[in-house]
Amino acid sequence: MEHTSEYLTFALGKGRLASKTLELLEGIGIMCEEIKDKDSRKLIFVNEEQKMRFFLAKGPDVPTYVEYGAADIGVVGKDTILEEDRRNYEVLDLKLGKCRMCVCGYESAGELLKHHEMIRVATKYPHIAKEYFYNRKQQTVDIIKLNGSIELAPIVGLSDVIVDIVETGSTLRENGLVVLEEICDLSARMIVNQVSMRMKSERINKLIKELKEKL
């Protein structure tokens, strides 16, 4: 791990997003072959020639690695950036994994949203939900954090509405739920550590410029 200053280090959100990001990077000539080896037990992948290092992390941890300078650059969904609320620069919308963060529920719950009633909101994203209801809508709500199948909450009567990511909306429709309000658009973003942006500005700006031209 010595001489890390000469490397540009990327933290990529595990899964589909990492593969898509690597494809984008390959498009501008940045390669990392060994990261594609599914059997590899390595945690850090290095391209010595280009002085690039990559590691895969759980999405919610990516902004943390970047804020503390363990990675110069991170790629992660806007939902995670908003929820984790770390001090990083968001420099580029990679336009991958486009979807929306919405308030959803039964059609009948629409009335509760209009009249600023005290309602229960189930979500994986308590920070985003709080920010939306408390600050943007000035509505006091009871936020319940869940970790999976958020759609279940209104069906079993745990909550009046949910705050969740909506891609196609088919899961909602299958369960008789609808989008009641849109909070924001989401997609994968590139974030940069604040110190790296100054210290490695030339390399980072060149990378941003080349990626922009490809998008």
N, C-alpha and C. Protein backbone atom coordinates (compact mmCIF):
# COMPACT_ATOMS: atom_id res chain seq x y z
N MET A 1 0.83 -1.21 0.00
CA MET A 1 0.00 0.00 0.00
C MET A 1 0.87 1.27 0.00
N GLU A 2 2.20 1.12 -0.10
CA GLU A 2 2.99 2.36 -0.05
C GLU A 2 2.91 3.11 -1.38
N HIS A 3 3.34 4.34 -1.40
CA HIS A 3 3.32 5.20 -2.59
C HIS A 3 1.94 5.26 -3.21
N THR A 4 0.92 5.29 -2.38
CA THR A 4 -0.43 5.29 -2.97
C THR A 4 -0.70 6.60 -3.72
N SER A 5 0.10 7.62 -3.42
CA SER A 5 -0.17 8.92 -4.03
C SER A 5 0.01 8.88 -5.55
N GLU A 6 0.84 7.93 -6.04
CA GLU A 6 1.00 7.92 -7.50
C GLU A 6 -0.13 7.16 -8.20
N TYR A 7 -0.93 6.47 -7.43
CA TYR A 7 -2.05 5.74 -8.02
C TYR A 7 -3.34 6.56 -7.96
N LEU A 8 -4.22 6.27 -8.90
CA LEU A 8 -5.57 6.78 -8.81
C LEU A 8 -6.40 5.59 -8.37
N THR A 9 -7.06 5.69 -7.24
CA THR A 9 -7.79 4.55 -6.69
C THR A 9 -9.30 4.71 -6.82
N PHE A 10 -9.94 3.67 -7.36
CA PHE A 10 -11.39 3.67 -7.58
C PHE A 10 -12.07 2.70 -6.62
N ALA A 11 -13.16 3.14 -6.00
CA ALA A 11 -14.03 2.23 -5.24
C ALA A 11 -15.30 2.06 -6.07
N LEU A 12 -15.59 0.82 -6.44
CA LEU A 12 -16.77 0.58 -7.28
C LEU A 12 -17.81 -0.21 -6.49
N GLY A 13 -19.07 0.20 -6.64
CA GLY A 13 -20.17 -0.54 -6.00
C GLY A 13 -20.28 -1.91 -6.62
N LYS A 14 -20.26 -2.95 -5.81
CA LYS A 14 -20.29 -4.34 -6.30
C LYS A 14 -21.48 -4.62 -7.21
N GLY A 15 -21.27 -5.60 -8.12
CA GLY A 15 -22.41 -6.08 -8.92
C GLY A 15 -22.46 -5.48 -10.31
N ARG A 16 -23.68 -5.33 -10.80
CA ARG A 16 -23.90 -4.89 -12.18
C ARG A 16 -23.27 -3.54 -12.44
N LEU A 17 -23.34 -2.67 -11.44
CA LEU A 17 -22.80 -1.32 -11.60
C LEU A 17 -21.30 -1.35 -11.84
N ALA A 18 -20.59 -2.22 -11.13
CA ALA A 18 -19.13 -2.31 -11.31
C ALA A 18 -18.80 -2.76 -12.73
N SER A 19 -19.50 -3.77 -13.24
CA SER A 19 -19.22 -4.25 -14.61
C SER A 19 -19.48 -3.15 -15.64
N LYS A 20 -20.59 -2.45 -15.46
CA LYS A 20 -20.95 -1.37 -16.40
C LYS A 20 -19.92 -0.23 -16.34
N THR A 21 -19.45 0.07 -15.13
CA THR A 21 -18.46 1.14 -14.96
C THR A 21 -17.15 0.75 -15.63
N LEU A 22 -16.75 -0.51 -15.44
CA LEU A 22 -15.50 -0.99 -16.05
C LEU A 22 -15.59 -0.93 -17.57
N GLU A 23 -16.78 -1.22 -18.11
CA GLU A 23 -16.97 -1.11 -19.56
C GLU A 23 -16.77 0.33 -20.02
N LEU A 24 -17.32 1.26 -19.26
CA LEU A 24 -17.17 2.69 -19.60
C LEU A 24 -15.70 3.08 -19.57
N LEU A 25 -14.99 2.62 -18.53
CA LEU A 25 -13.58 2.96 -18.38
C LEU A 25 -12.75 2.36 -19.52
N GLU A 26 -13.12 1.13 -19.92
CA GLU A 26 -12.41 0.50 -21.04
C GLU A 26 -12.59 1.32 -22.31
N GLY A 27 -13.76 1.93 -22.42
CA GLY A 27 -14.05 2.77 -23.58
C GLY A 27 -13.11 3.96 -23.70
N ILE A 28 -12.50 4.36 -22.57
CA ILE A 28 -11.52 5.46 -22.65
C ILE A 28 -10.10 4.94 -22.39
N GLY A 29 -9.95 3.62 -22.56
CA GLY A 29 -8.60 3.04 -22.51
C GLY A 29 -8.08 2.68 -21.13
N ILE A 30 -8.95 2.66 -20.13
CA ILE A 30 -8.49 2.27 -18.78
C ILE A 30 -8.87 0.81 -18.55
N MET A 31 -7.88 -0.03 -18.41
CA MET A 31 -8.13 -1.47 -18.34
C MET A 31 -7.81 -2.02 -16.95
N CYS A 32 -8.54 -3.05 -16.59
CA CYS A 32 -8.17 -3.81 -15.40
C CYS A 32 -8.67 -5.23 -15.61
N GLU A 33 -7.84 -6.04 -16.23
CA GLU A 33 -8.23 -7.40 -16.61
C GLU A 33 -8.52 -8.29 -15.40
N GLU A 34 -7.66 -8.18 -14.36
CA GLU A 34 -7.76 -9.17 -13.28
C GLU A 34 -9.03 -9.02 -12.44
N ILE A 35 -9.67 -7.86 -12.53
CA ILE A 35 -10.89 -7.67 -11.74
C ILE A 35 -12.02 -8.53 -12.32
N LYS A 36 -11.87 -8.93 -13.59
CA LYS A 36 -12.92 -9.71 -14.25
C LYS A 36 -12.86 -11.19 -13.89
N ASP A 37 -11.76 -11.59 -13.29
CA ASP A 37 -11.60 -12.99 -12.92
C ASP A 37 -12.52 -13.30 -11.74
N LYS A 38 -13.60 -14.00 -12.04
CA LYS A 38 -14.63 -14.27 -11.02
C LYS A 38 -14.10 -15.11 -9.85
N ASP A 39 -13.04 -15.88 -10.08
CA ASP A 39 -12.53 -16.75 -9.02
C ASP A 39 -11.48 -16.08 -8.14
N SER A 40 -11.08 -14.89 -8.54
CA SER A 40 -10.02 -14.22 -7.80
C SER A 40 -10.47 -13.90 -6.37
N ARG A 41 -9.55 -14.11 -5.42
CA ARG A 41 -9.88 -13.79 -4.03
C ARG A 41 -9.22 -12.46 -3.62
N LYS A 42 -8.63 -11.83 -4.60
CA LYS A 42 -7.98 -10.54 -4.32
C LYS A 42 -9.02 -9.50 -3.93
N LEU A 43 -8.58 -8.54 -3.16
CA LEU A 43 -9.48 -7.46 -2.77
C LEU A 43 -9.15 -6.17 -3.53
N ILE A 44 -7.88 -6.06 -3.93
CA ILE A 44 -7.46 -4.85 -4.66
C ILE A 44 -6.82 -5.26 -5.97
N PHE A 45 -7.25 -4.60 -7.03
CA PHE A 45 -6.75 -4.94 -8.37
C PHE A 45 -5.97 -3.74 -8.90
N VAL A 46 -4.76 -4.02 -9.39
CA VAL A 46 -3.88 -2.92 -9.79
C VAL A 46 -3.52 -3.00 -11.26
N ASN A 47 -3.54 -1.85 -11.92
CA ASN A 47 -2.99 -1.76 -13.26
C ASN A 47 -1.72 -0.92 -13.11
N GLU A 48 -0.58 -1.63 -13.03
CA GLU A 48 0.71 -0.96 -12.76
C GLU A 48 1.06 0.05 -13.84
N GLU A 49 0.79 -0.35 -15.07
CA GLU A 49 1.17 0.49 -16.21
C GLU A 49 0.48 1.85 -16.16
N GLN A 50 -0.82 1.81 -15.89
CA GLN A 50 -1.58 3.06 -15.88
C GLN A 50 -1.67 3.69 -14.49
N LYS A 51 -1.05 3.03 -13.51
CA LYS A 51 -1.07 3.52 -12.13
C LYS A 51 -2.52 3.73 -11.64
N MET A 52 -3.31 2.68 -11.82
CA MET A 52 -4.70 2.71 -11.37
C MET A 52 -4.92 1.54 -10.41
N ARG A 53 -5.71 1.77 -9.36
CA ARG A 53 -6.07 0.69 -8.46
C ARG A 53 -7.59 0.67 -8.34
N PHE A 54 -8.13 -0.54 -8.21
CA PHE A 54 -9.59 -0.68 -8.11
C PHE A 54 -9.92 -1.60 -6.95
N PHE A 55 -10.99 -1.29 -6.24
CA PHE A 55 -11.52 -2.30 -5.32
C PHE A 55 -13.04 -2.23 -5.34
N LEU A 56 -13.65 -3.38 -5.02
CA LEU A 56 -15.11 -3.47 -5.01
C LEU A 56 -15.59 -3.34 -3.57
N ALA A 57 -16.66 -2.60 -3.38
CA ALA A 57 -17.19 -2.42 -2.03
C ALA A 57 -18.71 -2.48 -2.09
N LYS A 58 -19.32 -2.71 -0.95
CA LYS A 58 -20.78 -2.63 -0.89
C LYS A 58 -21.18 -1.19 -1.16
N GLY A 59 -22.21 -1.01 -1.97
CA GLY A 59 -22.64 0.35 -2.35
C GLY A 59 -22.59 1.40 -1.25
N PRO A 60 -23.27 1.15 -0.12
CA PRO A 60 -23.32 2.18 0.92
C PRO A 60 -21.96 2.54 1.51
N ASP A 61 -20.97 1.68 1.32
CA ASP A 61 -19.63 1.98 1.87
C ASP A 61 -18.79 2.84 0.92
N VAL A 62 -19.18 2.89 -0.35
CA VAL A 62 -18.36 3.61 -1.33
C VAL A 62 -18.15 5.09 -0.95
N PRO A 63 -19.22 5.84 -0.61
CA PRO A 63 -19.00 7.25 -0.25
C PRO A 63 -18.09 7.42 0.98
N THR A 64 -18.10 6.42 1.87
CA THR A 64 -17.25 6.49 3.06
C THR A 64 -15.78 6.33 2.67
N TYR A 65 -15.49 5.32 1.84
CA TYR A 65 -14.10 5.13 1.37
C TYR A 65 -13.59 6.39 0.68
N VAL A 66 -14.47 7.03 -0.09
CA VAL A 66 -14.05 8.23 -0.82
C VAL A 66 -13.86 9.42 0.13
N GLU A 67 -14.80 9.61 1.05
CA GLU A 67 -14.68 10.76 1.95
C GLU A 67 -13.38 10.71 2.75
N TYR A 68 -12.99 9.50 3.20
CA TYR A 68 -11.78 9.39 4.02
C TYR A 68 -10.51 9.21 3.21
N GLY A 69 -10.62 9.28 1.89
CA GLY A 69 -9.43 9.25 1.05
C GLY A 69 -8.85 7.87 0.80
N ALA A 70 -9.57 6.80 1.21
CA ALA A 70 -9.10 5.44 0.91
C ALA A 70 -9.27 5.19 -0.59
N ALA A 71 -10.18 5.92 -1.22
CA ALA A 71 -10.33 5.90 -2.68
C ALA A 71 -10.39 7.35 -3.13
N ASP A 72 -9.82 7.62 -4.30
CA ASP A 72 -9.89 8.97 -4.85
C ASP A 72 -11.25 9.18 -5.51
N ILE A 73 -11.72 8.10 -6.16
CA ILE A 73 -12.93 8.18 -6.97
C ILE A 73 -13.86 7.04 -6.60
N GLY A 74 -15.15 7.31 -6.58
CA GLY A 74 -16.12 6.25 -6.33
C GLY A 74 -17.21 6.29 -7.38
N VAL A 75 -17.81 5.15 -7.64
CA VAL A 75 -18.97 5.11 -8.53
C VAL A 75 -20.08 4.40 -7.79
N VAL A 76 -21.22 5.10 -7.64
CA VAL A 76 -22.31 4.54 -6.84
C VAL A 76 -23.61 5.24 -7.22
N GLY A 77 -24.74 4.62 -6.86
CA GLY A 77 -26.04 5.21 -7.18
C GLY A 77 -26.30 6.48 -6.40
N LYS A 78 -27.04 7.39 -7.03
CA LYS A 78 -27.39 8.67 -6.38
C LYS A 78 -28.19 8.42 -5.09
N ASP A 79 -28.98 7.34 -5.05
CA ASP A 79 -29.73 7.01 -3.83
C ASP A 79 -28.79 6.82 -2.65
N THR A 80 -27.67 6.13 -2.91
CA THR A 80 -26.68 5.87 -1.85
C THR A 80 -25.99 7.17 -1.44
N ILE A 81 -25.68 8.01 -2.42
CA ILE A 81 -25.01 9.29 -2.13
C ILE A 81 -25.90 10.13 -1.22
N LEU A 82 -27.18 10.19 -1.55
CA LEU A 82 -28.12 10.99 -0.74
C LEU A 82 -28.31 10.39 0.64
N GLU A 83 -28.41 9.07 0.70
CA GLU A 83 -28.68 8.43 1.99
C GLU A 83 -27.47 8.51 2.92
N GLU A 84 -26.27 8.33 2.36
CA GLU A 84 -25.06 8.32 3.20
C GLU A 84 -24.62 9.74 3.58
N ASP A 85 -24.93 10.70 2.69
CA ASP A 85 -24.68 12.11 2.97
C ASP A 85 -23.24 12.39 3.44
N ARG A 86 -22.29 11.96 2.65
CA ARG A 86 -20.87 12.16 2.98
C ARG A 86 -20.31 13.40 2.27
N ARG A 87 -19.16 13.87 2.74
CA ARG A 87 -18.55 15.05 2.10
C ARG A 87 -17.67 14.63 0.93
N ASN A 88 -18.25 14.63 -0.26
CA ASN A 88 -17.51 14.31 -1.48
C ASN A 88 -18.00 15.25 -2.59
N TYR A 89 -17.23 15.34 -3.66
CA TYR A 89 -17.73 16.08 -4.82
C TYR A 89 -18.40 15.09 -5.76
N GLU A 90 -19.61 15.42 -6.19
CA GLU A 90 -20.25 14.61 -7.23
C GLU A 90 -19.91 15.27 -8.56
N VAL A 91 -19.19 14.55 -9.42
CA VAL A 91 -18.65 15.22 -10.61
C VAL A 91 -19.29 14.80 -11.93
N LEU A 92 -19.97 13.65 -11.94
CA LEU A 92 -20.46 13.17 -13.23
C LEU A 92 -21.64 12.22 -13.08
N ASP A 93 -22.64 12.41 -13.93
CA ASP A 93 -23.77 11.48 -14.00
C ASP A 93 -23.43 10.47 -15.09
N LEU A 94 -23.25 9.20 -14.69
CA LEU A 94 -22.85 8.18 -15.67
C LEU A 94 -24.06 7.63 -16.44
N LYS A 95 -25.23 8.09 -16.06
CA LYS A 95 -26.48 7.72 -16.77
C LYS A 95 -26.75 6.21 -16.79
N LEU A 96 -26.18 5.51 -15.82
CA LEU A 96 -26.43 4.06 -15.72
C LEU A 96 -27.49 3.84 -14.65
N GLY A 97 -28.27 2.77 -14.82
CA GLY A 97 -29.25 2.39 -13.80
C GLY A 97 -30.24 3.48 -13.46
N LYS A 98 -30.78 4.09 -14.50
CA LYS A 98 -31.73 5.20 -14.26
C LYS A 98 -33.02 4.70 -13.62
N CYS A 99 -33.45 5.40 -12.58
CA CYS A 99 -34.72 5.09 -11.93
C CYS A 99 -35.12 6.30 -11.10
N ARG A 100 -36.15 6.16 -10.27
CA ARG A 100 -36.64 7.30 -9.49
C ARG A 100 -36.86 6.89 -8.04
N MET A 101 -36.68 7.85 -7.15
CA MET A 101 -37.04 7.62 -5.75
C MET A 101 -38.43 8.21 -5.59
N CYS A 102 -39.37 7.39 -5.10
CA CYS A 102 -40.77 7.83 -5.04
C CYS A 102 -41.43 7.51 -3.71
N VAL A 103 -42.52 8.21 -3.47
CA VAL A 103 -43.42 7.86 -2.36
C VAL A 103 -44.51 7.02 -3.01
N CYS A 104 -44.73 5.81 -2.51
CA CYS A 104 -45.72 4.92 -3.11
C CYS A 104 -46.67 4.39 -2.04
N GLY A 105 -47.79 3.89 -2.50
CA GLY A 105 -48.76 3.32 -1.57
C GLY A 105 -50.05 3.02 -2.31
N TYR A 106 -51.08 2.74 -1.57
CA TYR A 106 -52.39 2.57 -2.19
C TYR A 106 -52.87 3.95 -2.64
N GLU A 107 -53.66 3.96 -3.71
CA GLU A 107 -54.23 5.20 -4.24
C GLU A 107 -54.84 6.04 -3.12
N SER A 108 -55.54 5.38 -2.20
CA SER A 108 -56.26 6.07 -1.11
C SER A 108 -55.32 6.86 -0.19
N ALA A 109 -54.04 6.47 -0.15
CA ALA A 109 -53.08 7.15 0.75
C ALA A 109 -52.72 8.54 0.21
N GLY A 110 -53.08 8.80 -1.04
CA GLY A 110 -52.79 10.11 -1.65
C GLY A 110 -53.39 11.24 -0.83
N GLU A 111 -54.56 11.01 -0.27
CA GLU A 111 -55.24 12.03 0.53
C GLU A 111 -54.43 12.38 1.78
N LEU A 112 -53.84 11.34 2.40
CA LEU A 112 -53.06 11.57 3.63
C LEU A 112 -51.85 12.46 3.35
N LEU A 113 -51.31 12.34 2.14
CA LEU A 113 -50.13 13.14 1.78
C LEU A 113 -50.53 14.60 1.57
N LYS A 114 -51.74 14.80 1.06
CA LYS A 114 -52.20 16.18 0.78
C LYS A 114 -52.45 16.96 2.06
N HIS A 115 -52.97 16.27 3.08
CA HIS A 115 -53.43 17.00 4.25
C HIS A 115 -52.43 17.03 5.41
N HIS A 116 -51.17 16.71 5.10
CA HIS A 116 -50.13 16.78 6.13
C HIS A 116 -50.48 16.02 7.39
N GLU A 117 -51.11 14.87 7.20
CA GLU A 117 -51.45 14.08 8.38
C GLU A 117 -50.21 13.35 8.89
N MET A 118 -50.27 12.96 10.14
CA MET A 118 -49.17 12.19 10.72
C MET A 118 -49.30 10.76 10.17
N ILE A 119 -48.40 10.38 9.30
CA ILE A 119 -48.49 9.05 8.69
C ILE A 119 -47.21 8.26 8.96
N ARG A 120 -47.32 6.96 8.71
CA ARG A 120 -46.13 6.11 8.86
C ARG A 120 -45.54 5.81 7.49
N VAL A 121 -44.23 5.98 7.41
CA VAL A 121 -43.51 5.79 6.15
C VAL A 121 -42.47 4.69 6.35
N ALA A 122 -42.57 3.62 5.56
CA ALA A 122 -41.56 2.55 5.65
C ALA A 122 -40.56 2.73 4.51
N THR A 123 -39.28 2.51 4.79
CA THR A 123 -38.26 2.72 3.76
C THR A 123 -36.92 2.12 4.15
N LYS A 124 -36.10 1.87 3.12
CA LYS A 124 -34.69 1.48 3.34
C LYS A 124 -33.86 2.75 3.47
N TYR A 125 -34.49 3.89 3.14
CA TYR A 125 -33.76 5.16 3.02
C TYR A 125 -34.30 6.21 4.00
N PRO A 126 -34.09 6.00 5.31
CA PRO A 126 -34.66 6.93 6.29
C PRO A 126 -34.17 8.37 6.12
N HIS A 127 -32.92 8.53 5.73
CA HIS A 127 -32.36 9.88 5.58
C HIS A 127 -33.07 10.63 4.45
N ILE A 128 -33.23 9.95 3.31
CA ILE A 128 -33.90 10.57 2.15
C ILE A 128 -35.36 10.87 2.50
N ALA A 129 -36.01 9.91 3.17
CA ALA A 129 -37.42 10.09 3.53
C ALA A 129 -37.59 11.28 4.47
N LYS A 130 -36.71 11.39 5.44
CA LYS A 130 -36.80 12.46 6.43
C LYS A 130 -36.58 13.82 5.75
N GLU A 131 -35.55 13.87 4.94
CA GLU A 131 -35.22 15.09 4.19
C GLU A 131 -36.42 15.54 3.36
N TYR A 132 -37.06 14.59 2.70
CA TYR A 132 -38.19 14.91 1.82
C TYR A 132 -39.41 15.38 2.62
N PHE A 133 -39.81 14.60 3.60
CA PHE A 133 -41.02 14.96 4.34
C PHE A 133 -40.82 16.15 5.27
N TYR A 134 -39.71 16.15 6.02
CA TYR A 134 -39.51 17.21 7.00
C TYR A 134 -39.13 18.53 6.34
N ASN A 135 -38.18 18.45 5.40
CA ASN A 135 -37.67 19.71 4.84
C ASN A 135 -38.42 20.20 3.61
N ARG A 136 -38.71 19.27 2.68
CA ARG A 136 -39.37 19.74 1.47
C ARG A 136 -40.87 19.88 1.64
N LYS A 137 -41.50 18.99 2.39
CA LYS A 137 -42.95 19.03 2.53
C LYS A 137 -43.41 19.62 3.86
N GLN A 138 -42.46 19.80 4.78
CA GLN A 138 -42.82 20.26 6.13
C GLN A 138 -43.96 19.41 6.72
N GLN A 139 -43.81 18.10 6.56
CA GLN A 139 -44.82 17.19 7.10
C GLN A 139 -44.13 16.26 8.10
N THR A 140 -44.68 16.19 9.30
CA THR A 140 -44.10 15.31 10.32
C THR A 140 -44.63 13.90 10.11
N VAL A 141 -43.71 12.97 9.96
CA VAL A 141 -44.10 11.57 9.73
C VAL A 141 -43.32 10.66 10.65
N ASP A 142 -43.81 9.44 10.76
CA ASP A 142 -43.12 8.44 11.57
C ASP A 142 -42.39 7.52 10.57
N ILE A 143 -41.06 7.55 10.60
CA ILE A 143 -40.28 6.79 9.61
C ILE A 143 -39.84 5.45 10.19
N ILE A 144 -40.16 4.40 9.48
CA ILE A 144 -39.82 3.04 9.93
C ILE A 144 -38.79 2.46 8.96
N LYS A 145 -37.62 2.11 9.48
CA LYS A 145 -36.58 1.56 8.60
C LYS A 145 -36.75 0.06 8.40
N LEU A 146 -36.77 -0.35 7.14
CA LEU A 146 -36.82 -1.77 6.80
C LEU A 146 -35.63 -2.10 5.90
N ASN A 147 -35.34 -3.38 5.78
CA ASN A 147 -34.19 -3.77 4.95
C ASN A 147 -34.54 -4.50 3.67
N GLY A 148 -35.75 -5.00 3.57
CA GLY A 148 -36.12 -5.71 2.34
C GLY A 148 -37.58 -5.60 2.04
N SER A 149 -38.00 -6.02 0.85
CA SER A 149 -39.41 -6.00 0.40
C SER A 149 -40.24 -4.89 1.02
N ILE A 150 -39.89 -3.69 0.67
CA ILE A 150 -40.58 -2.52 1.24
C ILE A 150 -42.07 -2.51 0.87
N GLU A 151 -42.38 -3.05 -0.31
CA GLU A 151 -43.78 -3.05 -0.78
C GLU A 151 -44.72 -3.76 0.19
N LEU A 152 -44.14 -4.65 0.98
CA LEU A 152 -44.94 -5.43 1.92
C LEU A 152 -45.57 -4.54 3.01
N ALA A 153 -44.88 -3.46 3.37
CA ALA A 153 -45.29 -2.64 4.51
C ALA A 153 -46.73 -2.12 4.44
N PRO A 154 -47.13 -1.49 3.31
CA PRO A 154 -48.52 -1.01 3.28
C PRO A 154 -49.53 -2.17 3.17
N ILE A 155 -49.10 -3.26 2.55
CA ILE A 155 -50.01 -4.40 2.35
C ILE A 155 -50.38 -5.04 3.68
N VAL A 156 -49.40 -5.16 4.58
CA VAL A 156 -49.69 -5.78 5.88
C VAL A 156 -50.08 -4.75 6.95
N GLY A 157 -50.16 -3.49 6.51
CA GLY A 157 -50.61 -2.45 7.45
C GLY A 157 -49.53 -1.90 8.36
N LEU A 158 -48.27 -2.13 8.03
CA LEU A 158 -47.19 -1.57 8.85
C LEU A 158 -47.07 -0.06 8.62
N SER A 159 -47.28 0.35 7.36
CA SER A 159 -47.14 1.78 7.06
C SER A 159 -48.23 2.24 6.10
N ASP A 160 -48.41 3.56 6.05
CA ASP A 160 -49.39 4.14 5.12
C ASP A 160 -48.79 4.23 3.73
N VAL A 161 -47.51 4.64 3.67
CA VAL A 161 -46.81 4.75 2.38
C VAL A 161 -45.39 4.22 2.53
N ILE A 162 -44.69 4.10 1.40
CA ILE A 162 -43.28 3.70 1.41
C ILE A 162 -42.48 4.72 0.60
N VAL A 163 -41.20 4.83 0.89
CA VAL A 163 -40.29 5.59 0.04
C VAL A 163 -39.32 4.57 -0.51
N ASP A 164 -39.32 4.43 -1.84
CA ASP A 164 -38.52 3.37 -2.44
C ASP A 164 -38.12 3.73 -3.87
N ILE A 165 -37.19 2.94 -4.40
CA ILE A 165 -36.74 3.12 -5.78
C ILE A 165 -37.76 2.47 -6.71
N VAL A 166 -38.12 3.20 -7.76
CA VAL A 166 -39.03 2.64 -8.75
C VAL A 166 -38.33 2.63 -10.10
N GLU A 167 -38.23 1.44 -10.70
CA GLU A 167 -37.64 1.34 -12.04
C GLU A 167 -38.77 1.30 -13.06
N THR A 168 -39.48 0.18 -13.13
CA THR A 168 -40.56 0.06 -14.10
C THR A 168 -41.92 0.23 -13.43
N GLY A 169 -41.97 -0.03 -12.15
CA GLY A 169 -43.23 0.09 -11.43
C GLY A 169 -44.07 -1.18 -11.47
N SER A 170 -43.50 -2.25 -12.07
CA SER A 170 -44.31 -3.48 -12.21
C SER A 170 -44.56 -4.17 -10.87
N THR A 171 -43.57 -4.15 -9.98
CA THR A 171 -43.78 -4.76 -8.65
C THR A 171 -44.90 -4.03 -7.91
N LEU A 172 -44.91 -2.71 -8.05
CA LEU A 172 -45.97 -1.92 -7.40
C LEU A 172 -47.32 -2.34 -7.95
N ARG A 173 -47.43 -2.33 -9.29
CA ARG A 173 -48.71 -2.65 -9.93
C ARG A 173 -49.22 -4.02 -9.54
N GLU A 174 -48.29 -4.99 -9.50
CA GLU A 174 -48.69 -6.36 -9.13
C GLU A 174 -49.29 -6.42 -7.73
N ASN A 175 -48.90 -5.47 -6.90
CA ASN A 175 -49.38 -5.46 -5.52
C ASN A 175 -50.43 -4.38 -5.25
N GLY A 176 -50.96 -3.80 -6.33
CA GLY A 176 -52.02 -2.80 -6.18
C GLY A 176 -51.56 -1.46 -5.66
N LEU A 177 -50.24 -1.19 -5.74
CA LEU A 177 -49.71 0.09 -5.24
C LEU A 177 -49.40 1.02 -6.42
N VAL A 178 -49.34 2.31 -6.15
CA VAL A 178 -49.03 3.28 -7.20
C VAL A 178 -47.99 4.28 -6.70
N VAL A 179 -47.37 5.00 -7.66
CA VAL A 179 -46.48 6.10 -7.30
C VAL A 179 -47.37 7.29 -6.95
N LEU A 180 -47.18 7.82 -5.75
CA LEU A 180 -48.00 8.95 -5.29
C LEU A 180 -47.26 10.28 -5.47
N GLU A 181 -45.96 10.26 -5.24
CA GLU A 181 -45.14 11.47 -5.40
C GLU A 181 -43.74 11.07 -5.82
N GLU A 182 -43.12 11.90 -6.65
CA GLU A 182 -41.73 11.63 -7.05
C GLU A 182 -40.81 12.51 -6.23
N ILE A 183 -39.75 11.89 -5.70
CA ILE A 183 -38.79 12.65 -4.89
C ILE A 183 -37.65 13.15 -5.76
N CYS A 184 -37.02 12.25 -6.52
CA CYS A 184 -35.92 12.67 -7.40
C CYS A 184 -35.56 11.57 -8.40
N ASP A 185 -34.82 11.97 -9.42
CA ASP A 185 -34.30 11.00 -10.39
C ASP A 185 -33.01 10.42 -9.85
N LEU A 186 -32.77 9.15 -10.16
CA LEU A 186 -31.57 8.48 -9.69
C LEU A 186 -30.82 7.87 -10.86
N SER A 187 -29.50 7.76 -10.71
CA SER A 187 -28.65 7.03 -11.66
C SER A 187 -27.27 6.95 -11.01
N ALA A 188 -26.35 6.24 -11.66
CA ALA A 188 -25.01 6.10 -11.08
C ALA A 188 -24.23 7.39 -11.26
N ARG A 189 -23.53 7.78 -10.23
CA ARG A 189 -22.73 9.02 -10.28
C ARG A 189 -21.28 8.72 -9.92
N MET A 190 -20.41 9.59 -10.41
CA MET A 190 -19.00 9.49 -10.03
C MET A 190 -18.74 10.55 -8.96
N ILE A 191 -18.15 10.10 -7.85
CA ILE A 191 -17.83 11.04 -6.78
C ILE A 191 -16.31 11.06 -6.57
N VAL A 192 -15.81 12.20 -6.08
CA VAL A 192 -14.36 12.36 -5.91
C VAL A 192 -14.06 12.90 -4.52
N ASN A 193 -13.00 12.39 -3.95
CA ASN A 193 -12.51 12.87 -2.65
C ASN A 193 -12.08 14.33 -2.79
N GLN A 194 -12.41 15.15 -1.78
CA GLN A 194 -12.15 16.59 -1.88
C GLN A 194 -10.66 16.93 -1.98
N VAL A 195 -9.83 16.20 -1.27
CA VAL A 195 -8.38 16.47 -1.31
C VAL A 195 -7.80 15.99 -2.65
N SER A 196 -8.24 14.79 -3.08
CA SER A 196 -7.76 14.25 -4.37
C SER A 196 -8.07 15.20 -5.51
N MET A 197 -9.22 15.85 -5.41
CA MET A 197 -9.64 16.77 -6.48
C MET A 197 -8.62 17.89 -6.65
N ARG A 198 -7.99 18.27 -5.53
CA ARG A 198 -6.95 19.30 -5.60
C ARG A 198 -5.60 18.70 -5.99
N MET A 199 -5.22 17.61 -5.27
CA MET A 199 -3.88 17.06 -5.42
C MET A 199 -3.67 16.31 -6.75
N LYS A 200 -4.74 15.74 -7.25
CA LYS A 200 -4.62 14.95 -8.48
C LYS A 200 -5.54 15.50 -9.57
N SER A 201 -5.71 16.82 -9.51
CA SER A 201 -6.72 17.45 -10.36
C SER A 201 -6.51 17.18 -11.84
N GLU A 202 -5.26 17.17 -12.27
CA GLU A 202 -4.99 17.00 -13.71
C GLU A 202 -5.50 15.65 -14.21
N ARG A 203 -5.13 14.58 -13.50
CA ARG A 203 -5.55 13.23 -13.92
C ARG A 203 -7.06 13.06 -13.82
N ILE A 204 -7.61 13.58 -12.72
CA ILE A 204 -9.04 13.40 -12.50
C ILE A 204 -9.87 14.18 -13.52
N ASN A 205 -9.46 15.42 -13.78
CA ASN A 205 -10.20 16.23 -14.76
C ASN A 205 -10.12 15.65 -16.17
N LYS A 206 -8.96 15.07 -16.48
CA LYS A 206 -8.78 14.44 -17.80
C LYS A 206 -9.75 13.25 -17.91
N LEU A 207 -9.81 12.48 -16.84
CA LEU A 207 -10.71 11.30 -16.81
C LEU A 207 -12.18 11.73 -16.97
N ILE A 208 -12.57 12.77 -16.24
CA ILE A 208 -13.96 13.25 -16.31
C ILE A 208 -14.27 13.73 -17.73
N LYS A 209 -13.33 14.46 -18.30
CA LYS A 209 -13.54 15.00 -19.66
C LYS A 209 -13.71 13.86 -20.66
N GLU A 210 -12.84 12.86 -20.57
CA GLU A 210 -12.89 11.73 -21.54
C GLU A 210 -14.18 10.94 -21.37
N LEU A 211 -14.61 10.75 -20.11
CA LEU A 211 -15.86 10.01 -19.88
C LEU A 211 -17.06 10.80 -20.41
N LYS A 212 -17.04 12.12 -20.17
CA LYS A 212 -18.14 12.98 -20.64
C LYS A 212 -18.33 12.85 -22.14
N GLU A 213 -17.21 12.79 -22.86
CA GLU A 213 -17.30 12.70 -24.32
C GLU A 213 -17.92 11.38 -24.76
N LYS A 214 -17.80 10.35 -23.93
CA LYS A 214 -18.33 9.02 -24.28
C LYS A 214 -19.81 8.88 -23.92
N LEU A 215 -20.27 9.70 -23.00
CA LEU A 215 -21.64 9.51 -22.50
C LEU A 215 -22.70 10.11 -23.43
